[in-house]
C-alpha atoms as a PDB file:
ATOM      1  CA  UNK A   1      -5.205 -90.076  -9.477  1.00  0.00           C
ATOM      2  CA  UNK A   2      -5.518 -87.099  -7.344  1.00  0.00           C
ATOM      3  CA  UNK A   3      -5.962 -84.436 -10.047  1.00  0.00           C
ATOM      4  CA  UNK A   4      -6.648 -81.322  -7.955  1.00  0.00           C
ATOM      5  CA  UNK A   5      -4.130 -78.550  -7.727  1.00  0.00           C
ATOM      6  CA  UNK A   6      -3.168 -77.267  -4.351  1.00  0.00           C
ATOM      7  CA  UNK A   7      -0.562 -75.191  -2.966  1.00  0.00           C
ATOM      8  CA  UNK A   8       1.801 -77.997  -2.323  1.00  0.00           C
ATOM      9  CA  UNK A   9       1.828 -78.905  -6.455  1.00  0.00           C
ATOM     10  CA  UNK A  10       1.216 -75.948  -8.109  1.00  0.00           C
ATOM     11  CA  UNK A  11       5.056 -75.264  -8.501  1.00  0.00           C
ATOM     12  CA  UNK A  12       4.820 -77.768 -11.022  1.00  0.00           C
ATOM     13  CA  UNK A  13       2.504 -75.131 -13.184  1.00  0.00           C
ATOM     14  CA  UNK A  14       4.387 -72.429 -12.555  1.00  0.00           C
ATOM     15  CA  UNK A  15       7.827 -72.873 -14.747  1.00  0.00           C
ATOM     16  CA  UNK A  16       5.483 -73.433 -18.308  1.00  0.00           C
ATOM     17  CA  UNK A  17       3.513 -70.418 -17.466  1.00  0.00           C
ATOM     18  CA  UNK A  18       6.473 -68.122 -16.483  1.00  0.00           C
ATOM     19  CA  UNK A  19       7.934 -69.470 -19.629  1.00  0.00           C
ATOM     20  CA  UNK A  20       5.392 -68.573 -22.164  1.00  0.00           C
ATOM     21  CA  UNK A  21       5.029 -65.165 -20.779  1.00  0.00           C
ATOM     22  CA  UNK A  22       8.558 -64.130 -20.515  1.00  0.00           C
ATOM     23  CA  UNK A  23       8.720 -65.152 -24.186  1.00  0.00           C
ATOM     24  CA  UNK A  24       6.181 -62.520 -24.900  1.00  0.00           C
ATOM     25  CA  UNK A  25       7.519 -60.057 -22.707  1.00  0.00           C
ATOM     26  CA  UNK A  26      11.197 -60.355 -24.186  1.00  0.00           C
ATOM     27  CA  UNK A  27       9.502 -59.592 -27.802  1.00  0.00           C
ATOM     28  CA  UNK A  28       7.305 -56.564 -26.614  1.00  0.00           C
ATOM     29  CA  UNK A  29      10.215 -55.037 -24.943  1.00  0.00           C
ATOM     30  CA  UNK A  30      12.975 -56.158 -26.635  1.00  0.00           C
ATOM     31  CA  UNK A  31      15.119 -57.378 -24.021  1.00  0.00           C
ATOM     32  CA  UNK A  32      16.925 -60.945 -23.299  1.00  0.00           C
ATOM     33  CA  UNK A  33      14.970 -63.894 -21.910  1.00  0.00           C
ATOM     34  CA  UNK A  34      16.722 -63.761 -18.523  1.00  0.00           C
ATOM     35  CA  UNK A  35      15.749 -59.895 -17.969  1.00  0.00           C
ATOM     36  CA  UNK A  36      12.038 -60.920 -18.631  1.00  0.00           C
ATOM     37  CA  UNK A  37      11.745 -63.913 -16.738  1.00  0.00           C
ATOM     38  CA  UNK A  38      13.566 -61.547 -13.611  1.00  0.00           C
ATOM     39  CA  UNK A  39      11.032 -59.132 -14.485  1.00  0.00           C
ATOM     40  CA  UNK A  40       8.459 -61.709 -13.893  1.00  0.00           C
ATOM     41  CA  UNK A  41       9.667 -63.290 -10.600  1.00  0.00           C
ATOM     42  CA  UNK A  42       9.988 -59.508  -9.436  1.00  0.00           C
ATOM     43  CA  UNK A  43       6.439 -58.914 -10.595  1.00  0.00           C
ATOM     44  CA  UNK A  44       3.039 -58.613  -8.226  1.00  0.00           C
ATOM     45  CA  UNK A  45       1.714 -60.627 -10.852  1.00  0.00           C
ATOM     46  CA  UNK A  46       3.808 -63.677  -9.986  1.00  0.00           C
ATOM     47  CA  UNK A  47       3.469 -63.202  -6.240  1.00  0.00           C
ATOM     48  CA  UNK A  48      -0.058 -63.933  -7.204  1.00  0.00           C
ATOM     49  CA  UNK A  49       0.526 -66.654  -9.771  1.00  0.00           C
ATOM     50  CA  UNK A  50       2.510 -68.412  -6.689  1.00  0.00           C
ATOM     51  CA  UNK A  51      -0.577 -68.477  -4.834  1.00  0.00           C
ATOM     52  CA  UNK A  52      -3.394 -71.360  -5.556  1.00  0.00           C
ATOM     53  CA  UNK A  53      -6.003 -69.369  -3.815  1.00  0.00           C
ATOM     54  CA  UNK A  54      -5.485 -66.339  -6.261  1.00  0.00           C
ATOM     55  CA  UNK A  55      -6.570 -69.049  -9.178  1.00  0.00           C
ATOM     56  CA  UNK A  56      -4.049 -66.998 -11.784  1.00  0.00           C
ATOM     57  CA  UNK A  57      -2.155 -70.080 -12.679  1.00  0.00           C
ATOM     58  CA  UNK A  58      -5.576 -71.171 -14.580  1.00  0.00           C
ATOM     59  CA  UNK A  59      -5.335 -68.378 -16.799  1.00  0.00           C
ATOM     60  CA  UNK A  60      -3.684 -68.763 -20.432  1.00  0.00           C
ATOM     61  CA  UNK A  61      -0.164 -67.022 -20.563  1.00  0.00           C
ATOM     62  CA  UNK A  62      -1.730 -64.529 -22.881  1.00  0.00           C
ATOM     63  CA  UNK A  63      -4.140 -63.672 -20.126  1.00  0.00           C
ATOM     64  CA  UNK A  64      -1.200 -63.584 -17.787  1.00  0.00           C
ATOM     65  CA  UNK A  65       1.077 -61.509 -20.177  1.00  0.00           C
ATOM     66  CA  UNK A  66      -2.107 -59.064 -19.695  1.00  0.00           C
ATOM     67  CA  UNK A  67      -2.307 -58.927 -16.179  1.00  0.00           C
ATOM     68  CA  UNK A  68       1.294 -58.454 -15.756  1.00  0.00           C
ATOM     69  CA  UNK A  69       1.455 -55.605 -18.635  1.00  0.00           C
ATOM     70  CA  UNK A  70      -1.427 -53.683 -16.583  1.00  0.00           C
ATOM     71  CA  UNK A  71       0.072 -53.850 -13.138  1.00  0.00           C
ATOM     72  CA  UNK A  72       2.867 -52.078 -14.675  1.00  0.00           C
ATOM     73  CA  UNK A  73       1.510 -48.985 -16.212  1.00  0.00           C
END
């Protein structure tokens, strides 16, 4: 079994990562989950997350949330 993460299979990891971060963002900003998801997908953090070579996909949801928050300020 091939367990290597590549650009071709990275998309398997993204929905769960976005889900966790969206929950945190929704609670923090007191916005709906849909608004939080849209904010994530529109962010530089997400553009980096969807690129395998950045290795952001390896970060835990809390670390991704912190990355997103740091780029917003």
